[in-house]
mmCIF file of all heavy atoms, coordinates in Angstrom:
data_MODEL
# 
_entry.id   MODEL 
# 
loop_
_atom_site.group_PDB 
_atom_site.id 
_atom_site.type_symbol 
_atom_site.label_atom_id 
_atom_site.label_alt_id 
_atom_site.label_comp_id 
_atom_site.label_asym_id 
_atom_site.label_entity_id 
_atom_site.label_seq_id 
_atom_site.pdbx_PDB_ins_code 
_atom_site.Cartn_x 
_atom_site.Cartn_y 
_atom_site.Cartn_z 
_atom_site.occupancy 
_atom_site.B_iso_or_equiv 
_atom_site.pdbx_formal_charge 
_atom_site.auth_seq_id 
_atom_site.auth_comp_id 
_atom_site.auth_asym_id 
_atom_site.auth_atom_id 
_atom_site.pdbx_PDB_model_num 
ATOM 1   N N   . VAL A 1 1  ? -11.503 1.260   -0.477  1.00 0.00 ? 1  VAL A N   1 
ATOM 2   C CA  . VAL A 1 1  ? -11.417 2.568   0.170   1.00 0.00 ? 1  VAL A CA  1 
ATOM 3   C C   . VAL A 1 1  ? -12.661 2.844   1.004   1.00 0.00 ? 1  VAL A C   1 
ATOM 4   O O   . VAL A 1 1  ? -12.585 3.236   2.167   1.00 0.00 ? 1  VAL A O   1 
ATOM 5   C CB  . VAL A 1 1  ? -11.200 3.684   -0.875  1.00 0.00 ? 1  VAL A CB  1 
ATOM 6   C CG1 . VAL A 1 1  ? -11.361 5.059   -0.248  1.00 0.00 ? 1  VAL A CG1 1 
ATOM 7   C CG2 . VAL A 1 1  ? -9.825  3.546   -1.518  1.00 0.00 ? 1  VAL A CG2 1 
ATOM 8   N N   . ASN A 1 2  ? -13.836 2.625   0.434   1.00 0.00 ? 2  ASN A N   1 
ATOM 9   C CA  . ASN A 1 2  ? -15.076 2.992   1.110   1.00 0.00 ? 2  ASN A CA  1 
ATOM 10  C C   . ASN A 1 2  ? -15.464 2.046   2.234   1.00 0.00 ? 2  ASN A C   1 
ATOM 11  O O   . ASN A 1 2  ? -15.919 2.494   3.286   1.00 0.00 ? 2  ASN A O   1 
ATOM 12  C CB  . ASN A 1 2  ? -16.227 3.075   0.106   1.00 0.00 ? 2  ASN A CB  1 
ATOM 13  C CG  . ASN A 1 2  ? -16.044 4.201   -0.876  1.00 0.00 ? 2  ASN A CG  1 
ATOM 14  O OD1 . ASN A 1 2  ? -15.375 5.185   -0.600  1.00 0.00 ? 2  ASN A OD1 1 
ATOM 15  N ND2 . ASN A 1 2  ? -16.614 4.062   -2.053  1.00 0.00 ? 2  ASN A ND2 1 
ATOM 16  N N   . GLU A 1 3  ? -15.329 0.766   2.040   1.00 0.00 ? 3  GLU A N   1 
ATOM 17  C CA  . GLU A 1 3  ? -15.777 -0.195  3.045   1.00 0.00 ? 3  GLU A CA  1 
ATOM 18  C C   . GLU A 1 3  ? -14.675 -0.578  4.025   1.00 0.00 ? 3  GLU A C   1 
ATOM 19  O O   . GLU A 1 3  ? -14.933 -0.747  5.207   1.00 0.00 ? 3  GLU A O   1 
ATOM 20  C CB  . GLU A 1 3  ? -16.328 -1.447  2.362   1.00 0.00 ? 3  GLU A CB  1 
ATOM 21  C CG  . GLU A 1 3  ? -17.569 -1.177  1.527   1.00 0.00 ? 3  GLU A CG  1 
ATOM 22  C CD  . GLU A 1 3  ? -18.041 -2.392  0.757   1.00 0.00 ? 3  GLU A CD  1 
ATOM 23  O OE1 . GLU A 1 3  ? -17.552 -3.507  1.030   1.00 0.00 ? 3  GLU A OE1 1 
ATOM 24  O OE2 . GLU A 1 3  ? -18.889 -2.215  -0.125  1.00 0.00 ? 3  GLU A OE2 1 
ATOM 25  N N   . SER A 1 4  ? -13.467 -0.729  3.524   1.00 0.00 ? 4  SER A N   1 
ATOM 26  C CA  . SER A 1 4  ? -12.365 -1.192  4.368   1.00 0.00 ? 4  SER A CA  1 
ATOM 27  C C   . SER A 1 4  ? -11.558 -0.047  4.964   1.00 0.00 ? 4  SER A C   1 
ATOM 28  O O   . SER A 1 4  ? -10.751 -0.269  5.849   1.00 0.00 ? 4  SER A O   1 
ATOM 29  C CB  . SER A 1 4  ? -11.425 -2.090  3.560   1.00 0.00 ? 4  SER A CB  1 
ATOM 30  O OG  . SER A 1 4  ? -12.126 -3.107  2.911   1.00 0.00 ? 4  SER A OG  1 
ATOM 31  N N   . GLU A 1 5  ? -11.775 1.158   4.445   1.00 0.00 ? 5  GLU A N   1 
ATOM 32  C CA  . GLU A 1 5  ? -11.012 2.327   4.885   1.00 0.00 ? 5  GLU A CA  1 
ATOM 33  C C   . GLU A 1 5  ? -9.519  2.025   4.907   1.00 0.00 ? 5  GLU A C   1 
ATOM 34  O O   . GLU A 1 5  ? -8.833  2.216   5.906   1.00 0.00 ? 5  GLU A O   1 
ATOM 35  C CB  . GLU A 1 5  ? -11.512 2.827   6.233   1.00 0.00 ? 5  GLU A CB  1 
ATOM 36  C CG  . GLU A 1 5  ? -12.937 3.297   6.192   1.00 0.00 ? 5  GLU A CG  1 
ATOM 37  C CD  . GLU A 1 5  ? -13.473 3.762   7.534   1.00 0.00 ? 5  GLU A CD  1 
ATOM 38  O OE1 . GLU A 1 5  ? -12.698 3.849   8.511   1.00 0.00 ? 5  GLU A OE1 1 
ATOM 39  O OE2 . GLU A 1 5  ? -14.676 4.035   7.608   1.00 0.00 ? 5  GLU A OE2 1 
ATOM 40  N N   . ILE A 1 6  ? -9.028  1.554   3.763   1.00 0.00 ? 6  ILE A N   1 
ATOM 41  C CA  . ILE A 1 6  ? -7.622  1.180   3.687   1.00 0.00 ? 6  ILE A CA  1 
ATOM 42  C C   . ILE A 1 6  ? -6.714  2.400   3.721   1.00 0.00 ? 6  ILE A C   1 
ATOM 43  O O   . ILE A 1 6  ? -7.125  3.505   3.382   1.00 0.00 ? 6  ILE A O   1 
ATOM 44  C CB  . ILE A 1 6  ? -7.327  0.348   2.425   1.00 0.00 ? 6  ILE A CB  1 
ATOM 45  C CG1 . ILE A 1 6  ? -7.672  1.148   1.177   1.00 0.00 ? 6  ILE A CG1 1 
ATOM 46  C CG2 . ILE A 1 6  ? -8.030  -0.985  2.470   1.00 0.00 ? 6  ILE A CG2 1 
ATOM 47  C CD1 . ILE A 1 6  ? -6.962  0.659   -0.043  1.00 0.00 ? 6  ILE A CD1 1 
ATOM 48  N N   . PHE A 1 7  ? -5.496  2.165   4.121   1.00 0.00 ? 7  PHE A N   1 
ATOM 49  C CA  . PHE A 1 7  ? -4.483  3.215   4.180   1.00 0.00 ? 7  PHE A CA  1 
ATOM 50  C C   . PHE A 1 7  ? -3.803  3.376   2.820   1.00 0.00 ? 7  PHE A C   1 
ATOM 51  O O   . PHE A 1 7  ? -3.542  4.479   2.380   1.00 0.00 ? 7  PHE A O   1 
ATOM 52  C CB  . PHE A 1 7  ? -3.459  2.871   5.262   1.00 0.00 ? 7  PHE A CB  1 
ATOM 53  C CG  . PHE A 1 7  ? -2.385  3.899   5.433   1.00 0.00 ? 7  PHE A CG  1 
ATOM 54  C CD1 . PHE A 1 7  ? -2.657  5.090   6.096   1.00 0.00 ? 7  PHE A CD1 1 
ATOM 55  C CD2 . PHE A 1 7  ? -1.107  3.677   4.955   1.00 0.00 ? 7  PHE A CD2 1 
ATOM 56  C CE1 . PHE A 1 7  ? -1.667  6.047   6.259   1.00 0.00 ? 7  PHE A CE1 1 
ATOM 57  C CE2 . PHE A 1 7  ? -0.111  4.627   5.117   1.00 0.00 ? 7  PHE A CE2 1 
ATOM 58  C CZ  . PHE A 1 7  ? -0.386  5.812   5.769   1.00 0.00 ? 7  PHE A CZ  1 
ATOM 59  N N   . ARG A 1 8  ? -3.518  2.255   2.164   1.00 0.00 ? 8  ARG A N   1 
ATOM 60  C CA  . ARG A 1 8  ? -2.892  2.274   0.830   1.00 0.00 ? 8  ARG A CA  1 
ATOM 61  C C   . ARG A 1 8  ? -3.497  1.164   -0.025  1.00 0.00 ? 8  ARG A C   1 
ATOM 62  O O   . ARG A 1 8  ? -3.817  0.088   0.460   1.00 0.00 ? 8  ARG A O   1 
ATOM 63  C CB  . ARG A 1 8  ? -1.384  2.027   0.906   1.00 0.00 ? 8  ARG A CB  1 
ATOM 64  C CG  . ARG A 1 8  ? -0.580  3.133   1.521   1.00 0.00 ? 8  ARG A CG  1 
ATOM 65  C CD  . ARG A 1 8  ? -0.379  4.301   0.563   1.00 0.00 ? 8  ARG A CD  1 
ATOM 66  N NE  . ARG A 1 8  ? 0.614   5.217   1.036   1.00 0.00 ? 8  ARG A NE  1 
ATOM 67  C CZ  . ARG A 1 8  ? 0.409   6.180   1.919   1.00 0.00 ? 8  ARG A CZ  1 
ATOM 68  N NH1 . ARG A 1 8  ? -0.764  6.350   2.456   1.00 0.00 ? 8  ARG A NH1 1 
ATOM 69  N NH2 . ARG A 1 8  ? 1.387   6.981   2.280   1.00 0.00 ? 8  ARG A NH2 1 
ATOM 70  N N   . PHE A 1 9  ? -3.613  1.450   -1.326  1.00 0.00 ? 9  PHE A N   1 
ATOM 71  C CA  . PHE A 1 9  ? -4.058  0.485   -2.336  1.00 0.00 ? 9  PHE A CA  1 
ATOM 72  C C   . PHE A 1 9  ? -2.888  0.343   -3.290  1.00 0.00 ? 9  PHE A C   1 
ATOM 73  O O   . PHE A 1 9  ? -2.552  1.287   -4.010  1.00 0.00 ? 9  PHE A O   1 
ATOM 74  C CB  . PHE A 1 9  ? -5.289  1.036   -3.068  1.00 0.00 ? 9  PHE A CB  1 
ATOM 75  C CG  . PHE A 1 9  ? -5.929  0.077   -4.015  1.00 0.00 ? 9  PHE A CG  1 
ATOM 76  C CD1 . PHE A 1 9  ? -7.024  -0.674  -3.622  1.00 0.00 ? 9  PHE A CD1 1 
ATOM 77  C CD2 . PHE A 1 9  ? -5.449  -0.077  -5.312  1.00 0.00 ? 9  PHE A CD2 1 
ATOM 78  C CE1 . PHE A 1 9  ? -7.638  -1.549  -4.504  1.00 0.00 ? 9  PHE A CE1 1 
ATOM 79  C CE2 . PHE A 1 9  ? -6.046  -0.960  -6.194  1.00 0.00 ? 9  PHE A CE2 1 
ATOM 80  C CZ  . PHE A 1 9  ? -7.143  -1.694  -5.787  1.00 0.00 ? 9  PHE A CZ  1 
ATOM 81  N N   . LEU A 1 10 ? -2.239  -0.825  -3.280  1.00 0.00 ? 10 LEU A N   1 
ATOM 82  C CA  . LEU A 1 10 ? -1.046  -1.043  -4.099  1.00 0.00 ? 10 LEU A CA  1 
ATOM 83  C C   . LEU A 1 10 ? -1.313  -2.105  -5.153  1.00 0.00 ? 10 LEU A C   1 
ATOM 84  O O   . LEU A 1 10 ? -2.008  -3.084  -4.890  1.00 0.00 ? 10 LEU A O   1 
ATOM 85  C CB  . LEU A 1 10 ? 0.124   -1.495  -3.213  1.00 0.00 ? 10 LEU A CB  1 
ATOM 86  C CG  . LEU A 1 10 ? 0.499   -0.554  -2.066  1.00 0.00 ? 10 LEU A CG  1 
ATOM 87  C CD1 . LEU A 1 10 ? 1.567   -1.195  -1.189  1.00 0.00 ? 10 LEU A CD1 1 
ATOM 88  C CD2 . LEU A 1 10 ? 0.981   0.790   -2.596  1.00 0.00 ? 10 LEU A CD2 1 
ATOM 89  N N   . THR A 1 11 ? -0.748  -1.907  -6.345  1.00 0.00 ? 11 THR A N   1 
ATOM 90  C CA  . THR A 1 11 ? -0.918  -2.892  -7.416  1.00 0.00 ? 11 THR A CA  1 
ATOM 91  C C   . THR A 1 11 ? 0.346   -3.733  -7.548  1.00 0.00 ? 11 THR A C   1 
ATOM 92  O O   . THR A 1 11 ? 1.456   -3.261  -7.336  1.00 0.00 ? 11 THR A O   1 
ATOM 93  C CB  . THR A 1 11 ? -1.244  -2.209  -8.756  1.00 0.00 ? 11 THR A CB  1 
ATOM 94  O OG1 . THR A 1 11 ? -0.230  -1.256  -9.067  1.00 0.00 ? 11 THR A OG1 1 
ATOM 95  C CG2 . THR A 1 11 ? -2.592  -1.518  -8.708  1.00 0.00 ? 11 THR A CG2 1 
ATOM 96  N N   . LYS A 1 12 ? 0.114   -5.009  -7.898  1.00 0.00 ? 12 LYS A N   1 
ATOM 97  C CA  . LYS A 1 12 ? 1.221   -5.946  -8.096  1.00 0.00 ? 12 LYS A CA  1 
ATOM 98  C C   . LYS A 1 12 ? 1.611   -5.938  -9.572  1.00 0.00 ? 12 LYS A C   1 
ATOM 99  O O   . LYS A 1 12 ? 0.743   -5.742  -10.413 1.00 0.00 ? 12 LYS A O   1 
ATOM 100 C CB  . LYS A 1 12 ? 0.805   -7.360  -7.681  1.00 0.00 ? 12 LYS A CB  1 
ATOM 101 C CG  . LYS A 1 12 ? 0.523   -7.490  -6.220  1.00 0.00 ? 12 LYS A CG  1 
ATOM 102 C CD  . LYS A 1 12 ? 0.370   -8.925  -5.780  1.00 0.00 ? 12 LYS A CD  1 
ATOM 103 C CE  . LYS A 1 12 ? -0.907  -9.554  -6.263  1.00 0.00 ? 12 LYS A CE  1 
ATOM 104 N NZ  . LYS A 1 12 ? -1.103  -10.917 -5.788  1.00 0.00 ? 12 LYS A NZ  1 
ATOM 105 N N   . PRO A 1 13 ? 2.858   -6.162  -9.858  1.00 0.00 ? 13 PRO A N   1 
ATOM 106 C CA  . PRO A 1 13 ? 3.927   -6.386  -8.878  1.00 0.00 ? 13 PRO A CA  1 
ATOM 107 C C   . PRO A 1 13 ? 4.288   -5.072  -8.193  1.00 0.00 ? 13 PRO A C   1 
ATOM 108 O O   . PRO A 1 13 ? 4.357   -4.032  -8.836  1.00 0.00 ? 13 PRO A O   1 
ATOM 109 C CB  . PRO A 1 13 ? 5.076   -6.906  -9.722  1.00 0.00 ? 13 PRO A CB  1 
ATOM 110 C CG  . PRO A 1 13 ? 4.841   -6.345  -11.086 1.00 0.00 ? 13 PRO A CG  1 
ATOM 111 C CD  . PRO A 1 13 ? 3.358   -6.217  -11.245 1.00 0.00 ? 13 PRO A CD  1 
ATOM 112 N N   . VAL A 1 14 ? 4.482   -5.152  -6.897  1.00 0.00 ? 14 VAL A N   1 
ATOM 113 C CA  . VAL A 1 14 ? 4.817   -3.954  -6.132  1.00 0.00 ? 14 VAL A CA  1 
ATOM 114 C C   . VAL A 1 14 ? 6.318   -3.941  -5.869  1.00 0.00 ? 14 VAL A C   1 
ATOM 115 O O   . VAL A 1 14 ? 6.909   -4.954  -5.505  1.00 0.00 ? 14 VAL A O   1 
ATOM 116 C CB  . VAL A 1 14 ? 4.008   -3.868  -4.819  1.00 0.00 ? 14 VAL A CB  1 
ATOM 117 C CG1 . VAL A 1 14 ? 4.339   -5.006  -3.885  1.00 0.00 ? 14 VAL A CG1 1 
ATOM 118 C CG2 . VAL A 1 14 ? 4.213   -2.539  -4.131  1.00 0.00 ? 14 VAL A CG2 1 
ATOM 119 N N   . ASN A 1 15 ? 6.904   -2.792  -6.092  1.00 0.00 ? 15 ASN A N   1 
ATOM 120 C CA  . ASN A 1 15 ? 8.319   -2.595  -5.832  1.00 0.00 ? 15 ASN A CA  1 
ATOM 121 C C   . ASN A 1 15 ? 8.544   -2.683  -4.329  1.00 0.00 ? 15 ASN A C   1 
ATOM 122 O O   . ASN A 1 15 ? 7.762   -2.128  -3.549  1.00 0.00 ? 15 ASN A O   1 
ATOM 123 C CB  . ASN A 1 15 ? 8.707   -1.214  -6.388  1.00 0.00 ? 15 ASN A CB  1 
ATOM 124 C CG  . ASN A 1 15 ? 10.132  -0.834  -6.112  1.00 0.00 ? 15 ASN A CG  1 
ATOM 125 O OD1 . ASN A 1 15 ? 10.541  -0.712  -4.955  1.00 0.00 ? 15 ASN A OD1 1 
ATOM 126 N ND2 . ASN A 1 15 ? 10.881  -0.637  -7.178  1.00 0.00 ? 15 ASN A ND2 1 
ATOM 127 N N   . SER A 1 16 ? 9.589   -3.353  -3.900  1.00 0.00 ? 16 SER A N   1 
ATOM 128 C CA  . SER A 1 16 ? 9.832   -3.529  -2.465  1.00 0.00 ? 16 SER A CA  1 
ATOM 129 C C   . SER A 1 16 ? 10.028  -2.197  -1.755  1.00 0.00 ? 16 SER A C   1 
ATOM 130 O O   . SER A 1 16 ? 9.634   -2.046  -0.598  1.00 0.00 ? 16 SER A O   1 
ATOM 131 C CB  . SER A 1 16 ? 11.028  -4.448  -2.221  1.00 0.00 ? 16 SER A CB  1 
ATOM 132 O OG  . SER A 1 16 ? 12.209  -3.878  -2.760  1.00 0.00 ? 16 SER A OG  1 
ATOM 133 N N   . ASP A 1 17 ? 10.598  -1.212  -2.434  1.00 0.00 ? 17 ASP A N   1 
ATOM 134 C CA  . ASP A 1 17 ? 10.755  0.105   -1.821  1.00 0.00 ? 17 ASP A CA  1 
ATOM 135 C C   . ASP A 1 17 ? 9.404   0.769   -1.589  1.00 0.00 ? 17 ASP A C   1 
ATOM 136 O O   . ASP A 1 17 ? 9.184   1.429   -0.563  1.00 0.00 ? 17 ASP A O   1 
ATOM 137 C CB  . ASP A 1 17 ? 11.625  1.016   -2.697  1.00 0.00 ? 17 ASP A CB  1 
ATOM 138 C CG  . ASP A 1 17 ? 13.081  0.582   -2.739  1.00 0.00 ? 17 ASP A CG  1 
ATOM 139 O OD1 . ASP A 1 17 ? 13.535  -0.116  -1.795  1.00 0.00 ? 17 ASP A OD1 1 
ATOM 140 O OD2 . ASP A 1 17 ? 13.774  0.936   -3.709  1.00 0.00 ? 17 ASP A OD2 1 
ATOM 141 N N   . VAL A 1 18 ? 8.486   0.594   -2.535  1.00 0.00 ? 18 VAL A N   1 
ATOM 142 C CA  . VAL A 1 18 ? 7.145   1.163   -2.402  1.00 0.00 ? 18 VAL A CA  1 
ATOM 143 C C   . VAL A 1 18 ? 6.414   0.499   -1.236  1.00 0.00 ? 18 VAL A C   1 
ATOM 144 O O   . VAL A 1 18 ? 5.776   1.164   -0.422  1.00 0.00 ? 18 VAL A O   1 
ATOM 145 C CB  . VAL A 1 18 ? 6.347   1.015   -3.722  1.00 0.00 ? 18 VAL A CB  1 
ATOM 146 C CG1 . VAL A 1 18 ? 4.883   1.383   -3.528  1.00 0.00 ? 18 VAL A CG1 1 
ATOM 147 C CG2 . VAL A 1 18 ? 6.982   1.849   -4.824  1.00 0.00 ? 18 VAL A CG2 1 
ATOM 148 N N   . LEU A 1 19 ? 6.510   -0.826  -1.143  1.00 0.00 ? 19 LEU A N   1 
ATOM 149 C CA  . LEU A 1 19 ? 5.868   -1.553  -0.053  1.00 0.00 ? 19 LEU A CA  1 
ATOM 150 C C   . LEU A 1 19 ? 6.471   -1.153  1.289   1.00 0.00 ? 19 LEU A C   1 
ATOM 151 O O   . LEU A 1 19 ? 5.746   -0.907  2.259   1.00 0.00 ? 19 LEU A O   1 
ATOM 152 C CB  . LEU A 1 19 ? 5.984   -3.058  -0.274  1.00 0.00 ? 19 LEU A CB  1 
ATOM 153 C CG  . LEU A 1 19 ? 5.310   -3.941  0.758   1.00 0.00 ? 19 LEU A CG  1 
ATOM 154 C CD1 . LEU A 1 19 ? 3.814   -3.648  0.837   1.00 0.00 ? 19 LEU A CD1 1 
ATOM 155 C CD2 . LEU A 1 19 ? 5.542   -5.412  0.419   1.00 0.00 ? 19 LEU A CD2 1 
ATOM 156 N N   . HIS A 1 20 ? 7.783   -1.063  1.345   1.00 0.00 ? 20 HIS A N   1 
ATOM 157 C CA  . HIS A 1 20 ? 8.466   -0.660  2.579   1.00 0.00 ? 20 HIS A CA  1 
ATOM 158 C C   . HIS A 1 20 ? 8.008   0.729   3.010   1.00 0.00 ? 20 HIS A C   1 
ATOM 159 O O   . HIS A 1 20 ? 7.714   0.964   4.186   1.00 0.00 ? 20 HIS A O   1 
ATOM 160 C CB  . HIS A 1 20 ? 9.978   -0.688  2.368   1.00 0.00 ? 20 HIS A CB  1 
ATOM 161 C CG  . HIS A 1 20 ? 10.752  -0.339  3.593   1.00 0.00 ? 20 HIS A CG  1 
ATOM 162 N ND1 . HIS A 1 20 ? 11.205  0.943   3.846   1.00 0.00 ? 20 HIS A ND1 1 
ATOM 163 C CD2 . HIS A 1 20 ? 11.138  -1.084  4.659   1.00 0.00 ? 20 HIS A CD2 1 
ATOM 164 C CE1 . HIS A 1 20 ? 11.839  0.965   4.991   1.00 0.00 ? 20 HIS A CE1 1 
ATOM 165 N NE2 . HIS A 1 20 ? 11.819  -0.245  5.518   1.00 0.00 ? 20 HIS A NE2 1 
ATOM 166 N N   . LYS A 1 21 ? 7.929   1.677   2.061   1.00 0.00 ? 21 LYS A N   1 
ATOM 167 C CA  . LYS A 1 21 ? 7.478   3.035   2.399   1.00 0.00 ? 21 LYS A CA  1 
ATOM 168 C C   . LYS A 1 21 ? 6.029   3.035   2.868   1.00 0.00 ? 21 LYS A C   1 
ATOM 169 O O   . LYS A 1 21 ? 5.680   3.747   3.811   1.00 0.00 ? 21 LYS A O   1 
ATOM 170 C CB  . LYS A 1 21 ? 7.635   3.967   1.203   1.00 0.00 ? 21 LYS A CB  1 
ATOM 171 C CG  . LYS A 1 21 ? 7.178   5.398   1.526   1.00 0.00 ? 21 LYS A CG  1 
ATOM 172 C CD  . LYS A 1 21 ? 7.627   6.382   0.519   1.00 0.00 ? 21 LYS A CD  1 
ATOM 173 C CE  . LYS A 1 21 ? 7.209   7.802   0.759   1.00 0.00 ? 21 LYS A CE  1 
ATOM 174 N NZ  . LYS A 1 21 ? 6.549   8.175   1.965   1.00 0.00 ? 21 LYS A NZ  1 
ATOM 175 N N   . ALA A 1 22 ? 5.173   2.219   2.240   1.00 0.00 ? 22 ALA A N   1 
ATOM 176 C CA  . ALA A 1 22 ? 3.763   2.157   2.652   1.00 0.00 ? 22 ALA A CA  1 
ATOM 177 C C   . ALA A 1 22 ? 3.653   1.669   4.101   1.00 0.00 ? 22 ALA A C   1 
ATOM 178 O O   . ALA A 1 22 ? 2.888   2.220   4.891   1.00 0.00 ? 22 ALA A O   1 
ATOM 179 C CB  . ALA A 1 22 ? 2.976   1.252   1.719   1.00 0.00 ? 22 ALA A CB  1 
ATOM 180 N N   . VAL A 1 23 ? 4.421   0.646   4.454   1.00 0.00 ? 23 VAL A N   1 
ATOM 181 C CA  . VAL A 1 23 ? 4.397   0.128   5.826   1.00 0.00 ? 23 VAL A CA  1 
ATOM 182 C C   . VAL A 1 23 ? 4.971   1.162   6.791   1.00 0.00 ? 23 VAL A C   1 
ATOM 183 O O   . VAL A 1 23 ? 4.408   1.401   7.867   1.00 0.00 ? 23 VAL A O   1 
ATOM 184 C CB  . VAL A 1 23 ? 5.156   -1.217  5.919   1.00 0.00 ? 23 VAL A CB  1 
ATOM 185 C CG1 . VAL A 1 23 ? 5.318   -1.649  7.367   1.00 0.00 ? 23 VAL A CG1 1 
ATOM 186 C CG2 . VAL A 1 23 ? 4.441   -2.284  5.111   1.00 0.00 ? 23 VAL A CG2 1 
ATOM 187 N N   . LYS A 1 24 ? 6.059   1.793   6.404   1.00 0.00 ? 24 LYS A N   1 
ATOM 188 C CA  . LYS A 1 24 ? 6.664   2.826   7.251   1.00 0.00 ? 24 LYS A CA  1 
ATOM 189 C C   . LYS A 1 24 ? 5.679   3.974   7.481   1.00 0.00 ? 24 LYS A C   1 
ATOM 190 O O   . LYS A 1 24 ? 5.506   4.444   8.614   1.00 0.00 ? 24 LYS A O   1 
ATOM 191 C CB  . LYS A 1 24 ? 7.945   3.348   6.587   1.00 0.00 ? 24 LYS A CB  1 
ATOM 192 C CG  . LYS A 1 24 ? 8.711   4.344   7.403   1.00 0.00 ? 24 LYS A CG  1 
ATOM 193 C CD  . LYS A 1 24 ? 9.987   4.754   6.677   1.00 0.00 ? 24 LYS A CD  1 
ATOM 194 C CE  . LYS A 1 24 ? 10.702  5.850   7.444   1.00 0.00 ? 24 LYS A CE  1 
ATOM 195 N NZ  . LYS A 1 24 ? 11.901  6.305   6.742   1.00 0.00 ? 24 LYS A NZ  1 
ATOM 196 N N   . ASP A 1 25 ? 5.011   4.419   6.420   1.00 0.00 ? 25 ASP A N   1 
ATOM 197 C CA  . ASP A 1 25 ? 4.012   5.490   6.550   1.00 0.00 ? 25 ASP A CA  1 
ATOM 198 C C   . ASP A 1 25 ? 2.836   5.053   7.413   1.00 0.00 ? 25 ASP A C   1 
ATOM 199 O O   . ASP A 1 25 ? 2.296   5.843   8.196   1.00 0.00 ? 25 ASP A O   1 
ATOM 200 C CB  . ASP A 1 25 ? 3.509   5.931   5.171   1.00 0.00 ? 25 ASP A CB  1 
ATOM 201 C CG  . ASP A 1 25 ? 4.559   6.662   4.351   1.00 0.00 ? 25 ASP A CG  1 
ATOM 202 O OD1 . ASP A 1 25 ? 5.617   7.044   4.912   1.00 0.00 ? 25 ASP A OD1 1 
ATOM 203 O OD2 . ASP A 1 25 ? 4.338   6.837   3.134   1.00 0.00 ? 25 ASP A OD2 1 
# 
């Protein structure tokens, strides 16, 4: 968060719907 200024931090295994929504957002 601090150095990379990421948009989302997701933990695996990630649900495909969650990943799809993160990319869409």
